[in-house]
Amino acid sequence: MKGSEILAHVDHTLLRPTATWKEIKALGEEARRYRTASVCIPAGYVARFHDAFGGSVPICTVVGFPLGYDTTETKISAARQAIADGAVEIDAVVNLTDVKNGDFTKVTAEIATLKDAVEERILKIIVETCYLTEKEKIALCQCVTEGDADFIKTSTGFGPAGATHEDIALFRRHIGSGVRIKAAGGIRTIADMKRYLDEGCDRLGCSAAVSLLHGRTAEDF
């Protein structure tokens, strides 16, 4: 797998709360140069980014981030505003309080409602695996599948741990055929990026990807 092929699966990400416009703009320039799958940026920058880059860089942003316990109505409003501002992908954090209460019917309903709101745009559901039991992870695979989300995503990157290869294997066994996987959080080496892709991930949330593969796009890994 060439470096350019790895980058084509990367959501080039900057969600640090102190990120400046200069940094966000540089992120966009890197994403455009290296043809990453998207940029993932704070919602407050989406409109400005779209004005600066137009459709040359697909924009992803986050909803209910990073804790997930906003109301469904708040998440829907945020998603619709992000889309109006130019986002084409929404990464929404699952309501972990509902998960811990065992109310998976409510979780599924929220996911389905969000998918209705984003329509043909890509919806990724962040389940924040570091807080979950194996039973909860399996149940959430079913919720994401039944709610018709496009992706299940491991982590926000703001929790105490991120993606693991064991969780990717678990997801693959339990998600529906139409659901793809995004690994995010703690991915810091080229070998790890390639391994996650080899294991069946379609996207990677990796802020270090461009710096790691800078000048190495034609190399095989």
Protein backbone atom coordinates (compact mmCIF):
# COMPACT_ATOMS: atom_id res chain seq x y z
CA MET A 1 0.00 0.00 0.00
CA LYS A 2 1.47 3.34 -1.06
CA GLY A 3 1.60 6.35 1.21
CA SER A 4 -0.84 8.19 -1.06
CA GLU A 5 -3.32 5.32 -0.70
CA ILE A 6 -3.11 5.50 3.08
CA LEU A 7 -3.71 9.25 3.02
CA ALA A 8 -6.81 8.75 0.86
CA HIS A 9 -8.40 7.05 3.89
CA VAL A 10 -7.41 9.74 6.41
CA ASP A 11 -9.68 12.39 7.91
CA HIS A 12 -6.97 15.01 8.46
CA THR A 13 -7.98 16.21 11.88
CA LEU A 14 -7.54 19.23 14.12
CA LEU A 15 -10.08 19.46 16.94
CA ARG A 16 -7.92 21.02 19.64
CA PRO A 17 -10.04 23.68 21.38
CA THR A 18 -7.31 26.32 20.98
CA ALA A 19 -6.82 25.73 17.23
CA THR A 20 -6.27 28.99 15.35
CA TRP A 21 -7.46 29.86 11.86
CA LYS A 22 -3.83 29.84 10.71
CA GLU A 23 -3.57 26.21 11.84
CA ILE A 24 -6.92 25.25 10.31
CA LYS A 25 -5.96 26.86 7.00
CA ALA A 26 -2.62 25.01 7.00
CA LEU A 27 -4.54 21.78 7.66
CA GLY A 28 -6.70 22.47 4.62
CA GLU A 29 -3.71 23.21 2.43
CA GLU A 30 -2.12 19.90 3.50
CA ALA A 31 -5.36 18.02 2.90
CA ARG A 32 -5.68 19.46 -0.58
CA ARG A 33 -2.05 18.76 -1.44
CA TYR A 34 -2.07 15.18 -0.15
CA ARG A 35 -5.68 14.40 -1.13
CA THR A 36 -6.86 13.17 2.24
CA ALA A 37 -10.42 11.87 2.53
CA SER A 38 -11.48 15.00 4.40
CA VAL A 39 -10.53 17.51 7.02
CA CYS A 40 -12.20 17.16 10.40
CA ILE A 41 -12.45 20.56 12.06
CA PRO A 42 -14.45 22.38 14.76
CA ALA A 43 -17.93 23.44 13.68
CA GLY A 44 -17.15 27.12 14.23
CA TYR A 45 -14.61 27.01 11.41
CA VAL A 46 -16.72 25.17 8.82
CA ALA A 47 -18.20 28.21 7.05
CA ARG A 48 -14.88 30.06 6.94
CA PHE A 49 -13.10 26.96 5.71
CA HIS A 50 -15.70 26.44 2.99
CA ASP A 51 -15.30 30.06 1.89
CA ALA A 52 -11.54 29.57 1.67
CA PHE A 53 -11.41 26.14 0.03
CA GLY A 54 -14.80 25.67 -1.61
CA GLY A 55 -15.40 22.08 -2.58
CA SER A 56 -11.72 21.28 -3.09
CA VAL A 57 -11.46 19.70 0.37
CA PRO A 58 -14.37 17.67 1.83
CA ILE A 59 -15.30 19.06 5.24
CA CYS A 60 -16.13 16.90 8.24
CA THR A 61 -17.13 18.28 11.60
CA VAL A 62 -18.26 16.94 14.96
CA VAL A 63 -21.60 17.02 16.77
CA GLY A 64 -22.24 16.37 20.46
CA PHE A 65 -18.50 16.46 20.87
CA PRO A 66 -16.74 15.15 22.90
CA LEU A 67 -19.17 13.97 25.59
CA GLY A 68 -22.25 13.02 23.58
CA TYR A 69 -24.96 13.90 26.06
CA ASP A 70 -26.51 16.83 24.20
CA THR A 71 -30.17 16.30 23.43
CA THR A 72 -31.11 14.78 20.10
CA GLU A 73 -32.69 18.07 19.08
CA THR A 74 -29.44 19.93 19.79
CA LYS A 75 -27.43 17.43 17.76
CA ILE A 76 -29.84 17.69 14.84
CA SER A 77 -29.70 21.47 14.89
CA ALA A 78 -25.88 21.41 14.99
CA ALA A 79 -25.69 18.90 12.15
CA ARG A 80 -28.05 20.92 9.95
CA GLN A 81 -26.13 24.13 10.64
CA ALA A 82 -22.83 22.42 9.79
CA ILE A 83 -24.27 21.16 6.51
CA ALA A 84 -25.62 24.64 5.69
CA ASP A 85 -22.11 25.98 6.35
CA GLY A 86 -20.55 23.46 3.94
CA ALA A 87 -19.86 20.23 5.82
CA VAL A 88 -20.43 16.98 3.93
CA GLU A 89 -19.60 14.59 6.77
CA ILE A 90 -20.83 14.60 10.37
CA ASP A 91 -19.13 12.70 13.20
CA ALA A 92 -21.66 12.53 16.05
CA VAL A 93 -20.95 11.23 19.54
CA VAL A 94 -23.39 8.64 20.86
CA ASN A 95 -25.29 9.45 24.05
CA LEU A 96 -23.25 7.46 26.56
CA THR A 97 -25.74 8.10 29.35
CA ASP A 98 -28.35 6.21 27.33
CA VAL A 99 -25.83 3.45 26.71
CA LYS A 100 -25.05 3.10 30.40
CA ASN A 101 -28.78 3.04 31.17
CA GLY A 102 -29.17 0.20 28.68
CA ASP A 103 -31.61 2.24 26.58
CA PHE A 104 -30.40 1.05 23.20
CA THR A 105 -33.79 1.67 21.59
CA LYS A 106 -33.31 5.36 22.32
CA VAL A 107 -29.74 5.25 21.01
CA THR A 108 -30.91 3.69 17.74
CA ALA A 109 -33.70 6.25 17.40
CA GLU A 110 -31.28 9.14 17.82
CA ILE A 111 -28.93 7.70 15.19
CA ALA A 112 -31.81 7.20 12.75
CA THR A 113 -33.03 10.75 13.34
CA LEU A 114 -29.55 12.14 12.73
CA LYS A 115 -29.24 10.15 9.51
CA ASP A 116 -32.58 11.55 8.35
CA ALA A 117 -31.26 15.04 9.10
CA VAL A 118 -27.98 14.66 7.20
CA GLU A 119 -29.68 12.85 4.30
CA GLU A 120 -27.13 11.80 1.67
CA ARG A 121 -24.15 13.17 3.60
CA ILE A 122 -21.93 10.80 5.54
CA LEU A 123 -22.82 10.14 9.18
CA LYS A 124 -20.24 8.60 11.47
CA ILE A 125 -21.27 7.58 14.99
CA ILE A 126 -18.54 7.86 17.62
CA VAL A 127 -19.12 5.24 20.31
CA GLU A 128 -16.10 6.09 22.53
CA THR A 129 -14.97 2.50 23.13
CA CYS A 130 -12.76 3.33 26.12
CA TYR A 131 -15.89 3.74 28.27
CA LEU A 132 -17.69 0.61 27.07
CA THR A 133 -17.98 -3.02 28.06
CA GLU A 134 -17.80 -5.65 25.34
CA LYS A 135 -21.55 -6.21 25.66
CA GLU A 136 -22.18 -2.48 25.13
CA LYS A 137 -19.89 -2.39 22.10
CA ILE A 138 -21.79 -5.27 20.52
CA ALA A 139 -25.13 -3.60 21.27
CA LEU A 140 -23.90 -0.36 19.70
CA CYS A 141 -22.87 -2.19 16.54
CA GLN A 142 -26.53 -3.17 16.24
CA CYS A 143 -27.71 0.39 17.01
CA VAL A 144 -25.45 1.91 14.35
CA THR A 145 -26.56 -0.71 11.82
CA GLU A 146 -30.29 -0.33 12.53
CA GLY A 147 -30.00 3.46 12.66
CA ASP A 148 -28.57 3.39 9.14
CA ALA A 149 -25.39 5.32 9.94
CA ASP A 150 -22.58 5.11 7.40
CA PHE A 151 -19.76 4.50 9.88
CA ILE A 152 -19.06 3.35 13.39
CA LYS A 153 -16.11 5.27 14.82
CA THR A 154 -14.08 4.14 17.81
CA SER A 155 -13.16 7.30 19.65
CA THR A 156 -13.16 11.07 20.01
CA GLY A 157 -9.47 11.20 20.84
CA PHE A 158 -10.42 13.11 23.99
CA GLY A 159 -11.13 10.06 26.19
CA PRO A 160 -8.54 8.13 28.21
CA ALA A 161 -7.85 5.73 25.31
CA GLY A 162 -8.41 5.48 21.58
CA ALA A 163 -8.71 2.82 18.90
CA THR A 164 -7.55 -0.74 19.46
CA HIS A 165 -7.15 -3.57 16.99
CA GLU A 166 -9.29 -5.77 19.22
CA ASP A 167 -12.22 -3.36 18.92
CA ILE A 168 -11.90 -3.26 15.13
CA ALA A 169 -12.11 -7.06 15.03
CA LEU A 170 -15.15 -6.94 17.31
CA PHE A 171 -16.86 -4.35 15.12
CA ARG A 172 -16.26 -6.39 12.00
CA ARG A 173 -17.99 -9.37 13.56
CA HIS A 174 -21.07 -7.44 14.64
CA ILE A 175 -21.81 -4.50 12.31
CA GLY A 176 -24.10 -4.81 9.32
CA SER A 177 -22.76 -5.13 5.81
CA GLY A 178 -23.52 -1.50 4.96
CA VAL A 179 -21.59 -0.01 7.89
CA ARG A 180 -17.97 1.03 7.54
CA ILE A 181 -15.40 1.51 10.30
CA LYS A 182 -13.34 4.52 11.31
CA ALA A 183 -10.48 4.04 13.76
CA ALA A 184 -9.47 7.16 15.65
CA GLY A 185 -7.41 8.10 18.68
CA GLY A 186 -3.83 7.16 19.40
CA ILE A 187 -2.82 6.23 15.84
CA ARG A 188 0.74 7.48 15.67
CA THR A 189 2.76 5.31 13.28
CA ILE A 190 2.62 4.39 9.60
CA ALA A 191 2.63 0.70 10.54
CA ASP A 192 -0.42 1.22 12.73
CA MET A 193 -2.29 3.11 10.01
CA LYS A 194 -1.61 0.35 7.50
CA ARG A 195 -2.60 -2.35 9.98
CA TYR A 196 -5.95 -0.69 10.69
CA LEU A 197 -6.67 -0.44 6.97
CA ASP A 198 -5.64 -4.06 6.44
CA GLU A 199 -8.03 -5.04 9.22
CA GLY A 200 -10.96 -3.52 7.39
CA CYS A 201 -11.13 0.15 8.43
CA ASP A 202 -12.23 2.50 5.68
CA ARG A 203 -11.26 5.72 7.47
CA LEU A 204 -8.63 6.79 9.96
CA GLY A 205 -8.81 9.78 12.27
CA CYS A 206 -5.14 10.62 12.54
CA SER A 207 -3.75 14.10 13.09
CA ALA A 208 -0.19 12.86 12.50
CA ALA A 209 -0.77 11.14 9.14
CA VAL A 210 0.44 13.93 6.87
CA SER A 211 3.53 14.65 8.95
CA LEU A 212 4.39 10.94 8.99
CA LEU A 213 3.90 10.48 5.25
CA HIS A 214 5.21 13.85 4.11
CA GLY A 215 7.42 13.25 1.09
CA ARG A 216 6.69 9.52 1.17
CA THR A 217 3.47 9.30 -0.83
CA ALA A 218 4.98 7.09 -3.53
CA GLU A 219 6.53 4.61 -1.08
CA ASP A 220 5.09 1.18 -0.42
CA PHE A 221 4.35 0.22 3.17
